[in-house]
Amino acid sequence: MLQVRGLAVDVVARRMLADASFTVAAGDKVGLVGRNGAGKTSLLRVLAGEDDPAEGVILRRGTLGYVPQNPRPRAEAEATALTHVLSGKGLDRAATRLAEMHLKLETDHSTAMIEKYSEAEERYRHAGGYSAESEARRIATGLGLRLDRVDLALGVLSGGERRRVELARVLFAEADLLLLDEPTNHLDTDAKTWLMEFLRDYRGAVIVVSHDLGLLDRSITRVLHLDAGRLIEYRGTYSQYQAARRLEEKRMTSLAHRQEAEIQRLSLLAEVMRRQTQKRAKQARSIFTRVERMKAARVVAPRRERKVKISFPEPPRSGRVVLHGSGLAKGYGGPLVFRDVTFGVERQDRLLVM
């Protein structure tokens, strides 16, 4: 499905990845992990053909589906959510044409019109259109789009709904290789679980960046860890990768400390010897050369993620009601996300918003 050789990725003159080589075969489920800012999104964009690599070769076989972090449907606002999902397999035009002919039948009952509609419906049925509609609805609702919203035009859907529709379109297309960048963003818990189960059973290959890889643990066959411009491969599930990574970081940290201690010891020894006899000074130069070679080849200890601790001063005692809302509504350029919301929060209340 995918073969990468000697890949380098640059972002604004900064090298994010150098000399990476790997392959992805049919059915592989690959988790791409790394710290924020390591270059995971940039790598996916290059693999998807959205950006050019700085160096290297990428060979793609079969069809490719790519979902960026903030997908936007590339369709007319008048297209419905359903027809846009169907466009993943090229069935959108046939579905739209059939719907238009069905409307005409309400006013045109001629034999010619009925025959045209019957022929169009038979072609649509033969192409798997009706079963495809059922599958498209299943995927869209699985991702959290309400069933009564599936037949609405994209233009009236909220931004979050449109993102779900675009993700559904790519999943529905059944590409040989899926590249998914944080696909669980904007999904609720049920939709996240549904998506991970879908990917677990997906027949094609998948490369996914996600903070929810734990939900896909048993299906992951490999993990690619992007760190400091290098791509390190771990075989096994996500939890196996985590265990192996912890051991590797512990080993590398220990080795880095031992190397640093030896460099310090030899540097001090050479400095002392340099001030002694000519013979000792010559030996010191040899030790300095050895130290420089050790510095050039030394292991860098893995960076630990910083844990931010914030302490807030004790606030003055408030009144009994600390927050009150009445008749609230909110939208984002489309339909209202909520309306007529009224609530109150009293001192020492603990609320969970779901």
Protein backbone atom coordinates (compact mmCIF):
# COMPACT_ATOMS: atom_id res chain seq x y z
CA MET A 1 0.00 0.00 0.00
CA LEU A 2 2.76 2.44 0.96
CA GLN A 3 6.54 2.36 0.66
CA VAL A 4 8.70 5.19 2.00
CA ARG A 5 12.46 5.47 1.41
CA GLY A 6 14.85 8.12 2.74
CA LEU A 7 12.04 10.56 3.54
CA ALA A 8 12.78 14.03 4.88
CA VAL A 9 10.12 16.57 5.87
CA ASP A 10 10.76 20.29 6.27
CA VAL A 11 8.44 22.90 7.77
CA VAL A 12 9.46 26.54 7.26
CA ALA A 13 13.13 25.63 6.78
CA ARG A 14 13.11 23.42 9.89
CA ARG A 15 13.76 19.70 9.37
CA MET A 16 11.05 17.75 11.20
CA LEU A 17 12.03 14.32 9.88
CA ALA A 18 15.19 12.95 8.28
CA ASP A 19 16.05 9.72 6.45
CA ALA A 20 12.87 7.78 7.33
CA SER A 21 12.09 4.48 5.61
CA PHE A 22 9.13 2.19 6.27
CA THR A 23 6.40 0.21 4.53
CA VAL A 24 2.70 -0.24 5.21
CA ALA A 25 1.11 -3.43 3.89
CA ALA A 26 -2.54 -4.29 3.33
CA GLY A 27 -4.39 -4.64 6.63
CA ASP A 28 -1.72 -2.92 8.73
CA LYS A 29 -3.00 -0.70 11.53
CA VAL A 30 -0.26 1.82 12.34
CA GLY A 31 -0.33 4.36 15.15
CA LEU A 32 1.77 7.49 14.56
CA VAL A 33 2.77 9.05 17.88
CA GLY A 34 5.02 11.82 19.14
CA ARG A 35 5.02 14.98 21.21
CA ASN A 36 2.95 17.98 20.18
CA GLY A 37 4.91 19.84 17.53
CA ALA A 38 7.04 16.80 16.60
CA GLY A 39 5.75 16.90 13.01
CA LYS A 40 3.05 14.19 12.89
CA THR A 41 0.59 16.33 10.93
CA SER A 42 3.32 17.48 8.53
CA LEU A 43 4.33 13.87 7.90
CA LEU A 44 0.73 12.81 7.20
CA ARG A 45 0.30 15.70 4.76
CA VAL A 46 3.39 14.58 2.87
CA LEU A 47 2.26 10.94 2.83
CA ALA A 48 -1.15 12.07 1.54
CA GLY A 49 0.44 14.10 -1.27
CA GLU A 50 -0.82 17.40 0.12
CA ASP A 51 2.78 18.66 0.57
CA ASP A 52 6.03 17.71 -1.13
CA PRO A 53 8.83 15.92 0.73
CA ALA A 54 12.18 17.67 1.15
CA GLU A 55 13.93 14.42 0.22
CA GLY A 56 13.09 10.79 -0.42
CA VAL A 57 10.61 8.66 -2.32
CA ILE A 58 6.99 7.74 -1.53
CA LEU A 59 5.34 4.92 -3.49
CA ARG A 60 1.58 4.57 -3.13
CA ARG A 61 -0.45 1.62 -4.40
CA GLY A 62 -4.24 1.52 -4.46
CA THR A 63 -6.68 4.19 -3.36
CA LEU A 64 -5.97 6.68 -0.59
CA GLY A 65 -8.28 8.35 1.92
CA TYR A 66 -7.02 11.30 3.95
CA VAL A 67 -8.76 13.10 6.82
CA PRO A 68 -6.93 16.19 8.20
CA GLN A 69 -7.46 17.50 11.72
CA ASN A 70 -10.18 19.91 10.61
CA PRO A 71 -11.87 18.33 7.58
CA ARG A 72 -14.20 20.45 5.49
CA PRO A 73 -16.60 18.96 2.92
CA ARG A 74 -15.56 20.01 -0.59
CA ALA A 75 -19.04 20.17 -2.02
CA GLU A 76 -21.79 22.63 -2.83
CA ALA A 77 -23.73 23.85 0.19
CA GLU A 78 -26.92 22.56 -1.48
CA ALA A 79 -25.64 18.96 -1.46
CA THR A 80 -27.11 16.87 1.34
CA ALA A 81 -25.06 15.10 3.96
CA LEU A 82 -26.15 11.77 2.49
CA THR A 83 -25.19 12.58 -1.11
CA HIS A 84 -21.84 13.92 0.07
CA VAL A 85 -21.09 10.68 1.89
CA LEU A 86 -22.20 8.74 -1.21
CA SER A 87 -19.76 10.79 -3.29
CA GLY A 88 -17.02 8.72 -1.67
CA LYS A 89 -17.95 5.99 -4.16
CA GLY A 90 -19.22 8.26 -6.91
CA LEU A 91 -22.90 7.54 -6.18
CA ASP A 92 -23.88 11.10 -5.31
CA ARG A 93 -24.84 12.21 -8.83
CA ALA A 94 -26.98 9.13 -9.43
CA ALA A 95 -28.75 9.63 -6.08
CA THR A 96 -29.35 13.33 -6.79
CA ARG A 97 -30.64 12.58 -10.30
CA LEU A 98 -33.00 9.92 -8.94
CA ALA A 99 -34.34 12.31 -6.28
CA GLU A 100 -34.96 15.00 -8.91
CA MET A 101 -36.83 12.54 -11.14
CA HIS A 102 -38.91 11.41 -8.18
CA LEU A 103 -40.03 15.01 -7.62
CA LYS A 104 -40.96 15.35 -11.30
CA LEU A 105 -43.11 12.24 -11.05
CA GLU A 106 -45.37 14.07 -8.61
CA THR A 107 -46.50 16.38 -11.44
CA ASP A 108 -45.58 14.37 -14.56
CA HIS A 109 -47.38 11.01 -14.68
CA SER A 110 -46.62 10.31 -18.33
CA THR A 111 -45.57 6.84 -19.43
CA ALA A 112 -42.25 8.23 -20.73
CA MET A 113 -41.43 9.81 -17.37
CA ILE A 114 -42.33 6.65 -15.47
CA GLU A 115 -40.10 4.59 -17.80
CA LYS A 116 -37.19 7.00 -17.38
CA TYR A 117 -37.52 6.87 -13.62
CA SER A 118 -37.77 3.06 -13.62
CA GLU A 119 -34.65 2.74 -15.77
CA ALA A 120 -32.70 5.19 -13.59
CA GLU A 121 -33.82 3.42 -10.42
CA GLU A 122 -32.80 0.03 -11.83
CA ARG A 123 -29.33 1.35 -12.71
CA TYR A 124 -29.00 2.82 -9.23
CA ARG A 125 -30.14 -0.44 -7.64
CA HIS A 126 -27.72 -2.46 -9.82
CA ALA A 127 -24.84 -0.18 -8.74
CA GLY A 128 -25.65 -0.97 -5.11
CA GLY A 129 -27.15 2.44 -4.48
CA TYR A 130 -29.84 1.47 -1.98
CA SER A 131 -27.57 -0.75 0.08
CA ALA A 132 -24.94 2.01 -0.15
CA GLU A 133 -27.42 4.53 1.24
CA SER A 134 -28.03 2.27 4.22
CA GLU A 135 -24.28 1.92 4.82
CA ALA A 136 -23.72 5.67 4.41
CA ARG A 137 -26.43 6.41 6.98
CA ARG A 138 -24.96 3.82 9.35
CA ILE A 139 -21.51 5.42 9.20
CA ALA A 140 -22.81 8.99 9.52
CA THR A 141 -25.00 8.19 12.53
CA GLY A 142 -22.22 6.10 14.06
CA LEU A 143 -20.06 9.22 14.02
CA GLY A 144 -22.73 11.13 15.91
CA LEU A 145 -24.79 12.76 13.14
CA ARG A 146 -28.47 12.53 14.06
CA LEU A 147 -30.55 10.50 11.61
CA ASP A 148 -32.89 13.42 10.98
CA ARG A 149 -29.89 15.54 9.89
CA VAL A 150 -28.53 13.10 7.28
CA ASP A 151 -30.90 14.31 4.54
CA LEU A 152 -30.33 18.01 5.20
CA ALA A 153 -28.21 20.26 3.01
CA LEU A 154 -24.60 20.75 4.10
CA GLY A 155 -25.20 24.50 4.26
CA VAL A 156 -27.58 24.19 7.23
CA LEU A 157 -25.38 21.84 9.24
CA SER A 158 -23.11 23.08 12.00
CA GLY A 159 -19.34 23.06 11.62
CA GLY A 160 -19.04 19.98 13.83
CA GLU A 161 -21.68 18.16 11.82
CA ARG A 162 -19.92 18.97 8.55
CA ARG A 163 -16.67 17.58 9.94
CA ARG A 164 -18.47 14.34 10.80
CA VAL A 165 -19.92 14.19 7.28
CA GLU A 166 -16.49 14.56 5.69
CA LEU A 167 -15.04 11.85 7.92
CA ALA A 168 -18.00 9.61 7.04
CA ARG A 169 -17.38 10.20 3.31
CA VAL A 170 -13.76 9.06 3.57
CA LEU A 171 -14.66 6.00 5.66
CA PHE A 172 -17.50 5.09 3.29
CA ALA A 173 -15.15 5.19 0.28
CA GLU A 174 -13.29 2.11 1.61
CA ALA A 175 -9.87 3.27 0.41
CA ASP A 176 -6.98 0.81 0.44
CA LEU A 177 -5.08 3.14 2.79
CA LEU A 178 -6.52 5.58 5.33
CA LEU A 179 -4.49 8.48 6.73
CA LEU A 180 -6.33 9.92 9.73
CA ASP A 181 -5.11 12.94 11.69
CA GLU A 182 -6.85 13.13 15.07
CA PRO A 183 -10.14 11.71 13.73
CA THR A 184 -11.71 11.63 17.21
CA ASN A 185 -11.53 15.42 17.55
CA HIS A 186 -15.04 16.85 17.97
CA LEU A 187 -16.53 13.37 18.60
CA ASP A 188 -18.33 12.43 21.79
CA THR A 189 -17.50 9.29 23.75
CA ASP A 190 -19.98 7.05 21.94
CA ALA A 191 -18.81 8.22 18.51
CA LYS A 192 -15.15 7.71 19.48
CA THR A 193 -15.88 4.14 20.55
CA TRP A 194 -17.82 3.50 17.34
CA LEU A 195 -15.00 4.88 15.18
CA MET A 196 -12.33 2.78 16.87
CA GLU A 197 -14.46 -0.35 16.44
CA PHE A 198 -14.94 0.56 12.77
CA LEU A 199 -11.18 0.94 12.28
CA ARG A 200 -10.54 -2.31 14.13
CA ASP A 201 -12.64 -4.19 11.54
CA TYR A 202 -11.47 -2.12 8.55
CA ARG A 203 -10.04 -4.31 5.79
CA GLY A 204 -7.66 -1.70 4.42
CA ALA A 205 -4.48 -0.30 5.95
CA VAL A 206 -4.64 2.60 8.39
CA ILE A 207 -2.16 5.17 9.68
CA VAL A 208 -3.75 7.14 12.50
CA VAL A 209 -2.68 10.00 14.74
CA SER A 210 -4.88 10.12 17.83
CA HIS A 211 -4.86 10.80 21.55
CA ASP A 212 -7.34 7.93 21.81
CA LEU A 213 -5.12 5.13 20.47
CA GLY A 214 -5.80 3.20 23.65
CA LEU A 215 -9.28 2.53 22.25
CA LEU A 216 -7.64 0.89 19.21
CA ASP A 217 -5.03 -0.97 21.25
CA ARG A 218 -5.68 -4.55 20.23
CA SER A 219 -5.92 -3.68 16.54
CA ILE A 220 -2.64 -1.74 16.31
CA THR A 221 0.03 -3.83 14.59
CA ARG A 222 2.81 -1.24 14.70
CA VAL A 223 3.63 2.13 16.20
CA LEU A 224 5.79 4.77 14.53
CA HIS A 225 7.26 7.15 17.10
CA LEU A 226 8.37 10.53 15.75
CA ASP A 227 10.93 12.16 18.03
CA ALA A 228 13.67 14.74 17.39
CA GLY A 229 13.53 14.21 13.62
CA ARG A 230 13.76 10.42 13.78
CA LEU A 231 11.07 7.83 13.13
CA ILE A 232 11.38 4.79 15.41
CA GLU A 233 9.31 1.67 14.72
CA TYR A 234 7.81 -0.53 17.43
CA ARG A 235 6.02 -3.75 16.52
CA GLY A 236 3.00 -4.81 18.55
CA THR A 237 -0.01 -3.17 20.12
CA TYR A 238 -0.15 0.36 21.49
CA SER A 239 0.17 -0.83 25.10
CA GLN A 240 3.17 -2.98 24.12
CA TYR A 241 4.72 0.10 22.51
CA GLN A 242 4.19 2.09 25.71
CA ALA A 243 5.91 -0.59 27.80
CA ALA A 244 8.81 -0.90 25.34
CA ARG A 245 9.17 2.88 25.14
CA ARG A 246 9.39 3.22 28.92
CA LEU A 247 12.15 0.59 29.04
CA GLU A 248 13.98 2.22 26.13
CA GLU A 249 13.80 5.67 27.73
CA LYS A 250 15.09 4.27 31.01
CA ARG A 251 17.99 2.54 29.24
CA MET A 252 18.85 5.61 27.15
CA THR A 253 18.73 7.90 30.20
CA SER A 254 21.04 5.59 32.15
CA LEU A 255 23.46 5.33 29.21
CA ALA A 256 23.46 9.12 28.69
CA HIS A 257 24.27 9.71 32.37
CA ARG A 258 27.12 7.17 32.30
CA GLN A 259 28.56 8.71 29.14
CA GLU A 260 28.32 12.21 30.59
CA ALA A 261 30.07 11.11 33.79
CA GLU A 262 32.88 9.49 31.79
CA ILE A 263 33.28 12.61 29.63
CA GLN A 264 33.53 14.74 32.77
CA ARG A 265 36.05 12.36 34.36
CA LEU A 266 38.31 12.23 31.28
CA SER A 267 38.06 15.99 30.71
CA LEU A 268 39.16 16.68 34.28
CA LEU A 269 41.98 14.12 34.02
CA ALA A 270 43.24 15.64 30.75
CA GLU A 271 43.11 19.16 32.19
CA VAL A 272 45.24 18.09 35.16
CA MET A 273 47.72 16.21 32.96
CA ARG A 274 48.02 19.15 30.55
CA ARG A 275 49.75 21.20 33.29
CA GLN A 276 52.30 18.53 34.12
CA THR A 277 55.30 17.17 32.18
CA GLN A 278 55.62 17.32 28.39
CA LYS A 279 54.95 13.60 28.19
CA ARG A 280 51.82 14.00 30.31
CA ALA A 281 50.70 16.95 28.18
CA LYS A 282 50.96 14.78 25.06
CA GLN A 283 48.84 12.12 26.75
CA ALA A 284 46.36 14.84 27.70
CA ARG A 285 45.96 15.85 24.04
CA SER A 286 45.18 12.25 23.19
CA ILE A 287 42.56 12.14 25.95
CA PHE A 288 41.02 15.41 24.74
CA THR A 289 40.71 13.88 21.25
CA ARG A 290 38.99 10.85 22.78
CA VAL A 291 36.63 13.12 24.70
CA GLU A 292 35.65 14.98 21.52
CA ARG A 293 34.85 11.68 19.80
CA MET A 294 32.74 10.64 22.79
CA LYS A 295 30.86 13.95 22.70
CA ALA A 296 30.12 13.53 18.99
CA ALA A 297 28.77 10.00 19.51
CA ARG A 298 27.09 10.41 22.89
CA VAL A 299 23.47 9.49 23.46
CA VAL A 300 21.02 12.26 24.28
CA ALA A 301 18.73 11.43 27.19
CA PRO A 302 15.03 11.41 26.20
CA ARG A 303 13.25 14.61 27.03
CA ARG A 304 10.65 14.33 29.75
CA GLU A 305 7.32 16.01 29.37
CA ARG A 306 6.97 18.91 31.74
CA LYS A 307 4.20 18.72 34.27
CA VAL A 308 2.74 22.13 34.94
CA LYS A 309 1.51 22.72 38.46
CA ILE A 310 -0.64 25.78 39.03
CA SER A 311 -1.64 26.95 42.47
CA PHE A 312 -4.52 29.37 42.83
CA PRO A 313 -4.86 31.49 45.96
CA GLU A 314 -7.87 30.89 48.12
CA PRO A 315 -10.60 33.21 46.76
CA PRO A 316 -12.74 35.38 49.02
CA ARG A 317 -16.06 33.88 50.01
CA SER A 318 -18.69 34.52 47.35
CA GLY A 319 -22.42 34.86 47.51
CA ARG A 320 -24.68 31.81 47.40
CA VAL A 321 -25.26 32.02 43.57
CA VAL A 322 -21.97 32.37 41.69
CA LEU A 323 -23.27 31.96 38.11
CA HIS A 324 -26.69 32.27 36.54
CA GLY A 325 -27.82 31.94 32.94
CA SER A 326 -31.29 32.48 31.51
CA GLY A 327 -32.66 31.77 28.04
CA LEU A 328 -29.20 31.22 26.49
CA ALA A 329 -28.73 30.21 22.84
CA LYS A 330 -25.63 29.77 20.66
CA GLY A 331 -24.83 29.03 17.03
CA TYR A 332 -21.78 29.20 14.74
CA GLY A 333 -23.10 30.68 11.52
CA GLY A 334 -25.57 27.79 11.14
CA PRO A 335 -28.33 26.20 13.21
CA LEU A 336 -28.32 26.84 16.94
CA VAL A 337 -26.24 24.37 18.91
CA PHE A 338 -28.46 24.96 21.95
CA ARG A 339 -31.34 27.22 22.87
CA ASP A 340 -33.45 28.22 25.87
CA VAL A 341 -30.78 27.11 28.37
CA THR A 342 -31.37 28.32 31.89
CA PHE A 343 -29.25 27.27 34.86
CA GLY A 344 -27.73 28.39 38.13
CA VAL A 345 -24.50 27.46 39.90
CA GLU A 346 -24.28 27.85 43.65
CA ARG A 347 -21.24 28.05 45.89
CA GLN A 348 -19.36 24.69 46.14
CA ASP A 349 -21.39 23.09 43.33
CA ARG A 350 -19.57 20.53 41.15
CA LEU A 351 -21.11 20.22 37.69
CA LEU A 352 -20.33 17.86 34.80
CA VAL A 353 -21.24 19.07 31.28
CA MET A 354 -21.92 16.21 28.83
